[in-house]
Amino acid sequence: MSDSSSASVAATLKSLPTDMELVLKVIPMPADVNANGDIFGGWVMAQCDLAGSVIPARYAKGRMATVAVNEFIFKQPVRLGDILSFYSKLVKIGRTSITVTVEVFAERFKAQGEYLKVTQATFTYVAIDDNGRPRAIERE
């Protein structure tokens, strides 16, 4: 077995995170494939941004905008036919901003029930008013 195959097998999980919330599941389609036969990284980034916005929306209670992609790591390629599970967790709430982490797990088409972490990212969102200016997040 090659080193890359060993690393891939070692990274395969039988279960998904229990300390994070499942916020999105999606299957990439043929239109999302790049010239190498893998899913476009930009498509994965867009899905992560959507998944990342779920938890902040509960706190912002109104308009918000993505203001930073603090970290984005592609760990493994995403393939056509993968079932992607996006898990998110709150990292920090500031006066106007909310930071979350997103982890993406692929369930390969031919390996149902086994999960491979393919991407991890950290996003910061800011609550905004009707004019697009930052506004304070109301604390309960």
N, C-alpha and C. Protein backbone atom coordinates (compact mmCIF):
# COMPACT_ATOMS: atom_id res chain seq x y z
N MET A 1 0.85 -1.18 0.00
CA MET A 1 0.00 0.00 0.00
C MET A 1 0.89 1.24 0.00
N SER A 2 0.61 2.20 -0.86
CA SER A 2 1.42 3.41 -0.93
C SER A 2 1.17 4.30 0.29
N ASP A 3 2.09 5.26 0.49
CA ASP A 3 1.94 6.18 1.63
C ASP A 3 0.65 6.97 1.56
N SER A 4 0.28 7.41 0.34
CA SER A 4 -0.96 8.19 0.22
C SER A 4 -2.18 7.32 0.51
N SER A 5 -2.14 6.05 0.09
CA SER A 5 -3.25 5.16 0.40
C SER A 5 -3.34 4.90 1.89
N SER A 6 -2.21 4.72 2.54
CA SER A 6 -2.18 4.50 3.99
C SER A 6 -2.76 5.70 4.73
N ALA A 7 -2.37 6.89 4.30
CA ALA A 7 -2.87 8.11 4.94
C ALA A 7 -4.37 8.23 4.75
N SER A 8 -4.84 7.88 3.55
CA SER A 8 -6.27 7.97 3.27
C SER A 8 -7.06 6.99 4.13
N VAL A 9 -6.57 5.77 4.25
CA VAL A 9 -7.25 4.76 5.06
C VAL A 9 -7.23 5.19 6.52
N ALA A 10 -6.10 5.73 6.98
CA ALA A 10 -5.99 6.17 8.37
C ALA A 10 -6.95 7.32 8.67
N ALA A 11 -7.26 8.13 7.67
CA ALA A 11 -8.14 9.28 7.88
C ALA A 11 -9.62 8.91 7.79
N THR A 12 -9.94 7.69 7.37
CA THR A 12 -11.33 7.27 7.24
C THR A 12 -11.93 7.06 8.63
N LEU A 13 -13.13 7.59 8.82
CA LEU A 13 -13.81 7.51 10.11
C LEU A 13 -15.06 6.65 9.98
N LYS A 14 -15.44 6.02 11.05
CA LYS A 14 -16.69 5.26 11.08
C LYS A 14 -17.83 6.10 11.64
N SER A 15 -17.49 7.20 12.33
CA SER A 15 -18.53 8.05 12.90
C SER A 15 -18.20 9.51 12.62
N LEU A 16 -19.17 10.35 12.80
CA LEU A 16 -19.03 11.78 12.53
C LEU A 16 -18.94 12.54 13.85
N PRO A 17 -18.56 13.83 13.81
CA PRO A 17 -18.38 14.59 15.06
C PRO A 17 -19.64 14.64 15.92
N THR A 18 -19.45 14.53 17.21
CA THR A 18 -20.59 14.64 18.13
C THR A 18 -20.59 15.99 18.84
N ASP A 19 -19.52 16.76 18.69
CA ASP A 19 -19.43 18.07 19.34
C ASP A 19 -19.74 19.21 18.38
N MET A 20 -20.24 18.86 17.19
CA MET A 20 -20.59 19.85 16.17
C MET A 20 -22.00 19.54 15.68
N GLU A 21 -22.59 20.52 14.99
CA GLU A 21 -23.95 20.35 14.48
C GLU A 21 -23.93 20.11 12.97
N LEU A 22 -24.68 19.11 12.53
CA LEU A 22 -24.86 18.89 11.10
C LEU A 22 -25.75 20.02 10.57
N VAL A 23 -25.21 20.84 9.66
CA VAL A 23 -25.96 22.00 9.18
C VAL A 23 -26.31 21.90 7.69
N LEU A 24 -25.69 20.94 6.97
CA LEU A 24 -25.95 20.84 5.53
C LEU A 24 -25.46 19.48 5.04
N LYS A 25 -26.24 18.89 4.12
CA LYS A 25 -25.80 17.70 3.38
C LYS A 25 -26.06 17.98 1.92
N VAL A 26 -25.11 17.63 1.07
CA VAL A 26 -25.26 17.92 -0.35
C VAL A 26 -24.45 16.90 -1.16
N ILE A 27 -24.91 16.66 -2.39
CA ILE A 27 -24.20 15.78 -3.32
C ILE A 27 -23.77 16.62 -4.52
N PRO A 28 -22.47 16.72 -4.79
CA PRO A 28 -22.03 17.46 -5.97
C PRO A 28 -22.50 16.77 -7.25
N MET A 29 -22.76 17.56 -8.26
CA MET A 29 -23.29 17.06 -9.52
C MET A 29 -22.24 17.19 -10.63
N PRO A 30 -22.47 16.57 -11.78
CA PRO A 30 -21.48 16.62 -12.87
C PRO A 30 -21.07 18.03 -13.30
N ALA A 31 -21.96 19.00 -13.20
CA ALA A 31 -21.61 20.39 -13.57
C ALA A 31 -20.58 21.00 -12.62
N ASP A 32 -20.34 20.36 -11.45
CA ASP A 32 -19.41 20.87 -10.45
C ASP A 32 -18.01 20.29 -10.58
N VAL A 33 -17.76 19.49 -11.63
CA VAL A 33 -16.48 18.80 -11.81
C VAL A 33 -15.51 19.67 -12.60
N ASN A 34 -14.24 19.67 -12.16
CA ASN A 34 -13.20 20.39 -12.89
C ASN A 34 -12.55 19.47 -13.93
N ALA A 35 -11.53 19.98 -14.62
CA ALA A 35 -10.88 19.22 -15.69
C ALA A 35 -10.16 17.98 -15.19
N ASN A 36 -9.84 17.92 -13.90
CA ASN A 36 -9.18 16.75 -13.32
C ASN A 36 -10.16 15.67 -12.90
N GLY A 37 -11.46 15.96 -12.99
CA GLY A 37 -12.46 14.99 -12.59
C GLY A 37 -12.86 15.10 -11.13
N ASP A 38 -12.29 16.07 -10.42
CA ASP A 38 -12.66 16.32 -9.02
C ASP A 38 -13.64 17.49 -8.99
N ILE A 39 -14.25 17.71 -7.84
CA ILE A 39 -15.19 18.82 -7.69
C ILE A 39 -14.40 20.12 -7.53
N PHE A 40 -14.86 21.18 -8.18
CA PHE A 40 -14.21 22.49 -8.09
C PHE A 40 -14.05 22.91 -6.64
N GLY A 41 -12.87 23.40 -6.28
CA GLY A 41 -12.62 23.91 -4.94
C GLY A 41 -13.53 25.09 -4.63
N GLY A 42 -13.81 25.92 -5.61
CA GLY A 42 -14.68 27.07 -5.41
C GLY A 42 -16.10 26.66 -5.07
N TRP A 43 -16.55 25.54 -5.65
CA TRP A 43 -17.89 25.02 -5.32
C TRP A 43 -17.91 24.58 -3.87
N VAL A 44 -16.87 23.88 -3.44
CA VAL A 44 -16.78 23.44 -2.04
C VAL A 44 -16.76 24.66 -1.11
N MET A 45 -16.01 25.69 -1.48
CA MET A 45 -15.94 26.91 -0.66
C MET A 45 -17.31 27.56 -0.52
N ALA A 46 -18.06 27.63 -1.61
CA ALA A 46 -19.39 28.24 -1.57
C ALA A 46 -20.32 27.45 -0.65
N GLN A 47 -20.25 26.13 -0.71
CA GLN A 47 -21.09 25.30 0.16
C GLN A 47 -20.69 25.48 1.63
N CYS A 48 -19.39 25.62 1.88
CA CYS A 48 -18.91 25.85 3.25
C CYS A 48 -19.41 27.19 3.78
N ASP A 49 -19.44 28.21 2.92
CA ASP A 49 -19.94 29.52 3.33
C ASP A 49 -21.41 29.43 3.70
N LEU A 50 -22.19 28.70 2.92
CA LEU A 50 -23.60 28.50 3.25
C LEU A 50 -23.75 27.76 4.57
N ALA A 51 -23.00 26.67 4.72
CA ALA A 51 -23.07 25.88 5.96
C ALA A 51 -22.62 26.71 7.16
N GLY A 52 -21.58 27.50 6.96
CA GLY A 52 -21.06 28.33 8.04
C GLY A 52 -22.02 29.39 8.50
N SER A 53 -22.94 29.80 7.66
CA SER A 53 -23.86 30.89 8.01
C SER A 53 -25.06 30.42 8.84
N VAL A 54 -25.27 29.13 8.96
CA VAL A 54 -26.46 28.62 9.65
C VAL A 54 -26.46 29.01 11.13
N ILE A 55 -25.42 28.72 11.85
CA ILE A 55 -25.37 29.04 13.28
C ILE A 55 -25.36 30.55 13.53
N PRO A 56 -24.54 31.33 12.82
CA PRO A 56 -24.57 32.79 13.05
C PRO A 56 -25.94 33.43 12.81
N ALA A 57 -26.72 32.87 11.88
CA ALA A 57 -28.05 33.43 11.60
C ALA A 57 -28.95 33.41 12.83
N ARG A 58 -28.75 32.43 13.70
CA ARG A 58 -29.55 32.34 14.93
C ARG A 58 -29.26 33.50 15.88
N TYR A 59 -28.04 33.98 15.85
CA TYR A 59 -27.63 35.06 16.74
C TYR A 59 -27.81 36.44 16.11
N ALA A 60 -27.55 36.53 14.80
CA ALA A 60 -27.64 37.82 14.11
C ALA A 60 -29.08 38.30 14.02
N LYS A 61 -30.02 37.38 13.86
CA LYS A 61 -31.45 37.70 13.77
C LYS A 61 -31.71 38.84 12.79
N GLY A 62 -31.14 38.71 11.63
CA GLY A 62 -31.28 39.72 10.59
C GLY A 62 -30.16 39.54 9.58
N ARG A 63 -29.94 40.57 8.79
CA ARG A 63 -28.92 40.50 7.75
C ARG A 63 -27.54 40.29 8.34
N MET A 64 -26.72 39.58 7.60
CA MET A 64 -25.32 39.41 7.97
C MET A 64 -24.51 39.19 6.70
N ALA A 65 -23.22 39.37 6.84
CA ALA A 65 -22.33 39.22 5.69
C ALA A 65 -21.08 38.45 6.10
N THR A 66 -20.56 37.67 5.17
CA THR A 66 -19.28 37.01 5.40
C THR A 66 -18.21 38.07 5.26
N VAL A 67 -17.39 38.24 6.30
CA VAL A 67 -16.33 39.26 6.22
C VAL A 67 -14.93 38.66 6.18
N ALA A 68 -14.80 37.39 6.57
CA ALA A 68 -13.47 36.79 6.52
C ALA A 68 -13.56 35.28 6.39
N VAL A 69 -12.67 34.75 5.58
CA VAL A 69 -12.39 33.33 5.57
C VAL A 69 -11.05 33.23 6.27
N ASN A 70 -11.11 32.92 7.56
CA ASN A 70 -9.90 32.93 8.39
C ASN A 70 -8.97 31.77 8.07
N GLU A 71 -9.56 30.65 7.67
CA GLU A 71 -8.78 29.46 7.34
C GLU A 71 -9.60 28.62 6.38
N PHE A 72 -8.91 28.02 5.42
CA PHE A 72 -9.58 27.09 4.52
C PHE A 72 -8.55 26.05 4.09
N ILE A 73 -8.79 24.80 4.45
CA ILE A 73 -7.84 23.74 4.15
C ILE A 73 -8.56 22.62 3.40
N PHE A 74 -8.06 22.32 2.21
CA PHE A 74 -8.55 21.17 1.46
C PHE A 74 -7.66 19.99 1.85
N LYS A 75 -8.23 19.01 2.51
CA LYS A 75 -7.46 17.87 3.00
C LYS A 75 -7.45 16.71 2.00
N GLN A 76 -8.57 16.53 1.31
CA GLN A 76 -8.71 15.45 0.32
C GLN A 76 -9.60 15.97 -0.81
N PRO A 77 -9.46 15.43 -2.01
CA PRO A 77 -10.36 15.87 -3.09
C PRO A 77 -11.80 15.39 -2.84
N VAL A 78 -12.73 16.16 -3.34
CA VAL A 78 -14.14 15.77 -3.32
C VAL A 78 -14.43 15.20 -4.70
N ARG A 79 -15.11 14.07 -4.73
CA ARG A 79 -15.35 13.37 -5.99
C ARG A 79 -16.83 13.36 -6.35
N LEU A 80 -17.07 13.23 -7.61
CA LEU A 80 -18.45 13.08 -8.10
C LEU A 80 -19.07 11.87 -7.43
N GLY A 81 -20.27 12.04 -6.90
CA GLY A 81 -20.97 10.96 -6.23
C GLY A 81 -20.78 10.94 -4.72
N ASP A 82 -19.85 11.75 -4.20
CA ASP A 82 -19.68 11.83 -2.74
C ASP A 82 -20.93 12.43 -2.11
N ILE A 83 -21.27 11.96 -0.93
CA ILE A 83 -22.30 12.61 -0.12
C ILE A 83 -21.53 13.42 0.90
N LEU A 84 -21.69 14.73 0.87
CA LEU A 84 -20.95 15.62 1.77
C LEU A 84 -21.80 16.01 2.96
N SER A 85 -21.22 15.90 4.14
CA SER A 85 -21.87 16.32 5.39
C SER A 85 -21.06 17.47 5.96
N PHE A 86 -21.73 18.59 6.19
CA PHE A 86 -21.09 19.80 6.69
C PHE A 86 -21.47 19.99 8.16
N TYR A 87 -20.48 20.00 9.02
CA TYR A 87 -20.67 20.18 10.46
C TYR A 87 -20.09 21.52 10.85
N SER A 88 -20.78 22.21 11.75
CA SER A 88 -20.33 23.53 12.18
C SER A 88 -20.40 23.66 13.69
N LYS A 89 -19.60 24.60 14.19
CA LYS A 89 -19.55 24.86 15.63
C LYS A 89 -19.20 26.33 15.85
N LEU A 90 -19.86 26.93 16.81
CA LEU A 90 -19.59 28.31 17.20
C LEU A 90 -18.21 28.39 17.84
N VAL A 91 -17.42 29.36 17.40
CA VAL A 91 -16.10 29.58 17.98
C VAL A 91 -16.12 30.80 18.90
N LYS A 92 -16.75 31.89 18.43
CA LYS A 92 -16.72 33.13 19.20
C LYS A 92 -17.83 34.07 18.74
N ILE A 93 -18.41 34.79 19.71
CA ILE A 93 -19.35 35.86 19.39
C ILE A 93 -18.74 37.15 19.91
N GLY A 94 -18.60 38.12 19.02
CA GLY A 94 -18.11 39.44 19.39
C GLY A 94 -19.27 40.42 19.48
N ARG A 95 -18.95 41.69 19.48
CA ARG A 95 -20.00 42.72 19.55
C ARG A 95 -20.86 42.71 18.29
N THR A 96 -20.21 42.61 17.11
CA THR A 96 -20.94 42.59 15.83
C THR A 96 -20.65 41.34 15.00
N SER A 97 -19.69 40.54 15.43
CA SER A 97 -19.26 39.41 14.60
C SER A 97 -19.43 38.06 15.29
N ILE A 98 -19.48 37.04 14.45
CA ILE A 98 -19.61 35.66 14.91
C ILE A 98 -18.64 34.82 14.09
N THR A 99 -17.83 34.03 14.78
CA THR A 99 -16.87 33.16 14.10
C THR A 99 -17.28 31.71 14.32
N VAL A 100 -17.24 30.94 13.24
CA VAL A 100 -17.58 29.52 13.29
C VAL A 100 -16.52 28.71 12.56
N THR A 101 -16.47 27.44 12.90
CA THR A 101 -15.64 26.50 12.16
C THR A 101 -16.56 25.53 11.44
N VAL A 102 -16.13 25.09 10.27
CA VAL A 102 -16.90 24.14 9.46
C VAL A 102 -15.96 22.99 9.10
N GLU A 103 -16.45 21.78 9.28
CA GLU A 103 -15.71 20.59 8.84
C GLU A 103 -16.59 19.81 7.89
N VAL A 104 -15.97 19.35 6.79
CA VAL A 104 -16.72 18.65 5.76
C VAL A 104 -16.23 17.21 5.66
N PHE A 105 -17.19 16.29 5.67
CA PHE A 105 -16.88 14.87 5.59
C PHE A 105 -17.53 14.28 4.36
N ALA A 106 -16.77 13.49 3.61
CA ALA A 106 -17.29 12.84 2.42
C ALA A 106 -17.58 11.38 2.72
N GLU A 107 -18.72 10.96 2.24
CA GLU A 107 -19.06 9.54 2.25
C GLU A 107 -18.94 9.12 0.79
N ARG A 108 -17.89 8.39 0.48
CA ARG A 108 -17.61 8.01 -0.90
C ARG A 108 -18.71 7.11 -1.44
N PHE A 109 -18.98 7.25 -2.73
CA PHE A 109 -20.06 6.50 -3.39
C PHE A 109 -19.92 4.99 -3.16
N LYS A 110 -18.69 4.49 -3.23
CA LYS A 110 -18.49 3.04 -3.09
C LYS A 110 -18.12 2.62 -1.67
N ALA A 111 -18.14 3.56 -0.73
CA ALA A 111 -17.79 3.22 0.66
C ALA A 111 -18.81 3.85 1.61
N GLN A 112 -20.09 3.54 1.40
CA GLN A 112 -21.15 4.08 2.24
C GLN A 112 -20.92 3.69 3.70
N GLY A 113 -21.14 4.64 4.59
CA GLY A 113 -20.96 4.39 6.02
C GLY A 113 -19.56 4.69 6.52
N GLU A 114 -18.64 5.03 5.62
CA GLU A 114 -17.30 5.44 6.01
C GLU A 114 -17.13 6.90 5.60
N TYR A 115 -16.51 7.68 6.46
CA TYR A 115 -16.41 9.12 6.25
C TYR A 115 -14.95 9.55 6.22
N LEU A 116 -14.68 10.50 5.36
CA LEU A 116 -13.34 11.04 5.19
C LEU A 116 -13.42 12.56 5.31
N LYS A 117 -12.65 13.13 6.23
CA LYS A 117 -12.64 14.59 6.36
C LYS A 117 -11.93 15.17 5.15
N VAL A 118 -12.67 15.98 4.38
CA VAL A 118 -12.12 16.51 3.14
C VAL A 118 -11.76 17.99 3.21
N THR A 119 -12.41 18.72 4.09
CA THR A 119 -12.19 20.17 4.17
C THR A 119 -12.45 20.66 5.58
N GLN A 120 -11.71 21.68 5.99
CA GLN A 120 -12.02 22.39 7.23
C GLN A 120 -11.80 23.87 6.98
N ALA A 121 -12.64 24.68 7.61
CA ALA A 121 -12.58 26.13 7.39
C ALA A 121 -13.08 26.87 8.61
N THR A 122 -12.67 28.13 8.71
CA THR A 122 -13.17 29.03 9.74
C THR A 122 -13.62 30.31 9.06
N PHE A 123 -14.84 30.74 9.39
CA PHE A 123 -15.44 31.93 8.79
C PHE A 123 -15.84 32.92 9.88
N THR A 124 -15.80 34.21 9.52
CA THR A 124 -16.34 35.25 10.39
C THR A 124 -17.43 35.98 9.63
N TYR A 125 -18.57 36.12 10.29
CA TYR A 125 -19.74 36.82 9.75
C TYR A 125 -20.01 38.04 10.62
N VAL A 126 -20.53 39.11 10.01
CA VAL A 126 -20.87 40.32 10.75
C VAL A 126 -22.34 40.63 10.54
N ALA A 127 -23.02 40.92 11.63
CA ALA A 127 -24.41 41.37 11.55
C ALA A 127 -24.41 42.77 10.95
N ILE A 128 -25.31 42.99 9.98
CA ILE A 128 -25.36 44.31 9.32
C ILE A 128 -26.78 44.86 9.33
N ASP A 129 -26.86 46.20 9.23
CA ASP A 129 -28.17 46.84 9.17
C ASP A 129 -28.62 46.95 7.72
N ASP A 130 -29.73 47.64 7.49
CA ASP A 130 -30.27 47.76 6.13
C ASP A 130 -29.37 48.54 5.19
N ASN A 131 -28.43 49.29 5.74
CA ASN A 131 -27.49 50.06 4.92
C ASN A 131 -26.15 49.33 4.75
N GLY A 132 -26.07 48.11 5.28
CA GLY A 132 -24.84 47.34 5.13
C GLY A 132 -23.77 47.66 6.14
N ARG A 133 -24.12 48.41 7.18
CA ARG A 133 -23.15 48.76 8.23
C ARG A 133 -23.25 47.76 9.38
N PRO A 134 -22.12 47.48 10.03
CA PRO A 134 -22.16 46.57 11.18
C PRO A 134 -23.11 47.06 12.25
N ARG A 135 -23.81 46.11 12.87
CA ARG A 135 -24.71 46.43 13.97
C ARG A 135 -24.44 45.45 15.11
N ALA A 136 -24.75 45.88 16.29
CA ALA A 136 -24.51 45.05 17.48
C ALA A 136 -25.42 43.82 17.46
N ILE A 137 -24.87 42.71 17.92
CA ILE A 137 -25.64 41.48 18.08
C ILE A 137 -26.30 41.54 19.45
N GLU A 138 -27.61 41.40 19.44
CA GLU A 138 -28.34 41.45 20.72
C GLU A 138 -28.06 40.21 21.53
N ARG A 139 -27.73 40.43 22.79
CA ARG A 139 -27.46 39.31 23.71
C ARG A 139 -28.72 38.99 24.48
N GLU A 140 -28.99 37.72 24.67
CA GLU A 140 -30.18 37.31 25.42
C GLU A 140 -29.88 37.25 26.90
